[in-house]
Amino acid sequence: MQKCNTGYKAITGHAPESWYAATAYDAMRVMAQSIEKAGSLDKTAIRDQLRSGELKNSLLPGGTLKFGANGQVTNPFVIVQNKPDGKVDIVYPPDSATGSPIAPKPQN
């Protein structure tokens, strides 16, 4: 994530406001990897590489980015909780959590 944050700050002048920038970062990483493996800018070759490719060390939950037969990302979902004082935490899955869930309702 550090490389993502550093690159984002270099371009925008400020750190990302949330982890959402990681999804765009990994999307570009898997696209670049697929173009490189395709050896061309042919859209069919790139698509085929996306279908069969796998991005290791992904910032997304599970640490790997890959696509299923239907073309959709097969990563597990995350649950994010907004908390008091503008804090936001990933609360599920446990291996990606940045904080514990507060239930039933956060109190200020």
C-alpha atoms as a PDB file:
ATOM      1  CA  MET A   1       0.000   0.000   0.000  1.00  0.00           C
ATOM      2  CA  GLN A   2       2.943   2.297   0.644  1.00  0.00           C
ATOM      3  CA  LYS A   3       3.876   2.355  -3.059  1.00  0.00           C
ATOM      4  CA  CYS A   4       0.260   3.155  -3.956  1.00  0.00           C
ATOM      5  CA  ASN A   5       0.088   5.973  -1.389  1.00  0.00           C
ATOM      6  CA  THR A   6       3.433   7.435  -2.450  1.00  0.00           C
ATOM      7  CA  GLY A   7       2.469   7.427  -6.128  1.00  0.00           C
ATOM      8  CA  TYR A   8      -0.943   8.913  -5.416  1.00  0.00           C
ATOM      9  CA  LYS A   9       0.579  11.718  -3.354  1.00  0.00           C
ATOM     10  CA  ALA A  10       3.173  12.460  -6.046  1.00  0.00           C
ATOM     11  CA  ILE A  11       0.419  12.945  -8.623  1.00  0.00           C
ATOM     12  CA  THR A  12      -2.236  14.719  -6.540  1.00  0.00           C
ATOM     13  CA  GLY A  13      -0.191  16.461  -3.839  1.00  0.00           C
ATOM     14  CA  HIS A  14      -2.071  14.712  -1.007  1.00  0.00           C
ATOM     15  CA  ALA A  15      -2.513  11.215   0.394  1.00  0.00           C
ATOM     16  CA  PRO A  16      -5.557   9.159  -0.632  1.00  0.00           C
ATOM     17  CA  GLU A  17      -8.611   9.928   1.467  1.00  0.00           C
ATOM     18  CA  SER A  18      -9.557   6.269   1.757  1.00  0.00           C
ATOM     19  CA  TRP A  19      -8.568   2.794   0.666  1.00  0.00           C
ATOM     20  CA  TYR A  20     -10.695   3.141  -2.472  1.00  0.00           C
ATOM     21  CA  ALA A  21      -7.647   4.364  -4.407  1.00  0.00           C
ATOM     22  CA  ALA A  22      -6.223   0.849  -4.006  1.00  0.00           C
ATOM     23  CA  THR A  23      -8.877  -0.586  -6.317  1.00  0.00           C
ATOM     24  CA  ALA A  24      -7.887   1.768  -9.143  1.00  0.00           C
ATOM     25  CA  TYR A  25      -4.204   1.106  -8.452  1.00  0.00           C
ATOM     26  CA  ASP A  26      -4.636  -2.654  -8.713  1.00  0.00           C
ATOM     27  CA  ALA A  27      -6.881  -2.319 -11.769  1.00  0.00           C
ATOM     28  CA  MET A  28      -4.073  -0.539 -13.577  1.00  0.00           C
ATOM     29  CA  ARG A  29      -1.500  -3.058 -12.337  1.00  0.00           C
ATOM     30  CA  VAL A  30      -3.489  -6.040 -13.639  1.00  0.00           C
ATOM     31  CA  MET A  31      -4.174  -4.232 -16.924  1.00  0.00           C
ATOM     32  CA  ALA A  32      -0.464  -3.437 -17.416  1.00  0.00           C
ATOM     33  CA  GLN A  33       0.434  -7.040 -16.588  1.00  0.00           C
ATOM     34  CA  SER A  34      -2.108  -8.324 -19.127  1.00  0.00           C
ATOM     35  CA  ILE A  35      -0.907  -5.979 -21.876  1.00  0.00           C
ATOM     36  CA  GLU A  36       2.661  -7.075 -21.234  1.00  0.00           C
ATOM     37  CA  LYS A  37       1.734 -10.774 -21.356  1.00  0.00           C
ATOM     38  CA  ALA A  38      -0.390 -10.242 -24.481  1.00  0.00           C
ATOM     39  CA  GLY A  39       2.607  -8.690 -26.211  1.00  0.00           C
ATOM     40  CA  SER A  40       0.377  -6.239 -28.051  1.00  0.00           C
ATOM     41  CA  LEU A  41      -2.495  -3.811 -27.675  1.00  0.00           C
ATOM     42  CA  ASP A  42      -4.912  -6.214 -29.363  1.00  0.00           C
ATOM     43  CA  LYS A  43      -8.065  -6.093 -27.227  1.00  0.00           C
ATOM     44  CA  THR A  44      -8.835  -9.798 -27.622  1.00  0.00           C
ATOM     45  CA  ALA A  45      -5.329 -10.822 -26.575  1.00  0.00           C
ATOM     46  CA  ILE A  46      -5.486  -8.476 -23.584  1.00  0.00           C
ATOM     47  CA  ARG A  47      -8.919  -9.798 -22.592  1.00  0.00           C
ATOM     48  CA  ASP A  48      -7.644 -13.362 -22.788  1.00  0.00           C
ATOM     49  CA  GLN A  49      -4.724 -12.482 -20.531  1.00  0.00           C
ATOM     50  CA  LEU A  50      -7.079 -10.822 -18.046  1.00  0.00           C
ATOM     51  CA  ARG A  51      -9.206 -13.984 -17.979  1.00  0.00           C
ATOM     52  CA  SER A  52      -6.251 -16.255 -17.278  1.00  0.00           C
ATOM     53  CA  GLY A  53      -4.023 -13.851 -15.366  1.00  0.00           C
ATOM     54  CA  GLU A  54      -3.498 -13.440 -11.684  1.00  0.00           C
ATOM     55  CA  LEU A  55      -2.055 -10.410  -9.899  1.00  0.00           C
ATOM     56  CA  LYS A  56      -0.093 -11.426  -6.822  1.00  0.00           C
ATOM     57  CA  ASN A  57       0.494  -9.007  -3.935  1.00  0.00           C
ATOM     58  CA  SER A  58      -2.779  -7.253  -4.633  1.00  0.00           C
ATOM     59  CA  LEU A  59      -3.930  -4.616  -2.174  1.00  0.00           C
ATOM     60  CA  LEU A  60      -7.424  -6.109  -2.311  1.00  0.00           C
ATOM     61  CA  PRO A  61      -8.755  -8.584   0.256  1.00  0.00           C
ATOM     62  CA  GLY A  62      -7.177 -11.987  -0.222  1.00  0.00           C
ATOM     63  CA  GLY A  63      -3.974 -10.508  -1.654  1.00  0.00           C
ATOM     64  CA  THR A  64      -4.603 -11.851  -5.176  1.00  0.00           C
ATOM     65  CA  LEU A  65      -6.588 -10.331  -8.028  1.00  0.00           C
ATOM     66  CA  LYS A  66      -8.011 -12.687 -10.656  1.00  0.00           C
ATOM     67  CA  PHE A  67     -11.097 -12.972 -12.805  1.00  0.00           C
ATOM     68  CA  GLY A  68     -13.605 -15.808 -13.031  1.00  0.00           C
ATOM     69  CA  ALA A  69     -14.994 -17.394 -16.186  1.00  0.00           C
ATOM     70  CA  ASN A  70     -17.766 -14.775 -16.219  1.00  0.00           C
ATOM     71  CA  GLY A  71     -15.219 -11.931 -16.318  1.00  0.00           C
ATOM     72  CA  GLN A  72     -15.951 -10.766 -12.776  1.00  0.00           C
ATOM     73  CA  VAL A  73     -13.308 -10.404 -10.072  1.00  0.00           C
ATOM     74  CA  THR A  74     -13.438 -13.381  -7.731  1.00  0.00           C
ATOM     75  CA  ASN A  75     -12.120 -11.594  -4.645  1.00  0.00           C
ATOM     76  CA  PRO A  76     -14.010 -11.819  -1.376  1.00  0.00           C
ATOM     77  CA  PHE A  77     -16.159  -8.857  -0.441  1.00  0.00           C
ATOM     78  CA  VAL A  78     -15.349  -6.390   2.298  1.00  0.00           C
ATOM     79  CA  ILE A  79     -17.551  -4.687   4.846  1.00  0.00           C
ATOM     80  CA  VAL A  80     -16.643  -1.113   5.697  1.00  0.00           C
ATOM     81  CA  GLN A  81     -18.050   0.723   8.701  1.00  0.00           C
ATOM     82  CA  ASN A  82     -18.233   4.484   9.116  1.00  0.00           C
ATOM     83  CA  LYS A  83     -17.358   5.448  12.677  1.00  0.00           C
ATOM     84  CA  PRO A  84     -17.448   8.590  14.809  1.00  0.00           C
ATOM     85  CA  ASP A  85     -15.050  11.461  14.095  1.00  0.00           C
ATOM     86  CA  GLY A  86     -14.838  10.637  10.385  1.00  0.00           C
ATOM     87  CA  LYS A  87     -13.077   7.303  10.932  1.00  0.00           C
ATOM     88  CA  VAL A  88     -13.713   4.460   8.492  1.00  0.00           C
ATOM     89  CA  ASP A  89     -12.590   0.852   9.034  1.00  0.00           C
ATOM     90  CA  ILE A  90     -12.676  -2.336   7.037  1.00  0.00           C
ATOM     91  CA  VAL A  91     -14.296  -4.728   9.520  1.00  0.00           C
ATOM     92  CA  TYR A  92     -14.522  -7.858   7.350  1.00  0.00           C
ATOM     93  CA  PRO A  93     -12.782 -10.110   6.366  1.00  0.00           C
ATOM     94  CA  PRO A  94     -10.627 -10.441   9.482  1.00  0.00           C
ATOM     95  CA  ASP A  95      -7.330 -10.724   7.572  1.00  0.00           C
ATOM     96  CA  SER A  96      -7.947  -7.322   5.958  1.00  0.00           C
ATOM     97  CA  ALA A  97      -9.635  -5.568   8.894  1.00  0.00           C
ATOM     98  CA  THR A  98      -8.331  -2.162   9.913  1.00  0.00           C
ATOM     99  CA  GLY A  99     -10.583  -2.063  12.973  1.00  0.00           C
ATOM    100  CA  SER A 100     -13.266  -3.928  14.895  1.00  0.00           C
ATOM    101  CA  PRO A 101     -16.956  -3.426  14.160  1.00  0.00           C
ATOM    102  CA  ILE A 102     -19.015  -1.335  16.534  1.00  0.00           C
ATOM    103  CA  ALA A 103     -22.569  -2.564  17.060  1.00  0.00           C
ATOM    104  CA  PRO A 104     -25.386  -1.881  17.194  1.00  0.00           C
ATOM    105  CA  LYS A 105     -24.729   1.831  16.563  1.00  0.00           C
ATOM    106  CA  PRO A 106     -21.629   3.919  17.259  1.00  0.00           C
ATOM    107  CA  GLN A 107     -22.200   6.490  19.988  1.00  0.00           C
ATOM    108  CA  ASN A 108     -20.418   9.855  19.847  1.00  0.00           C
END
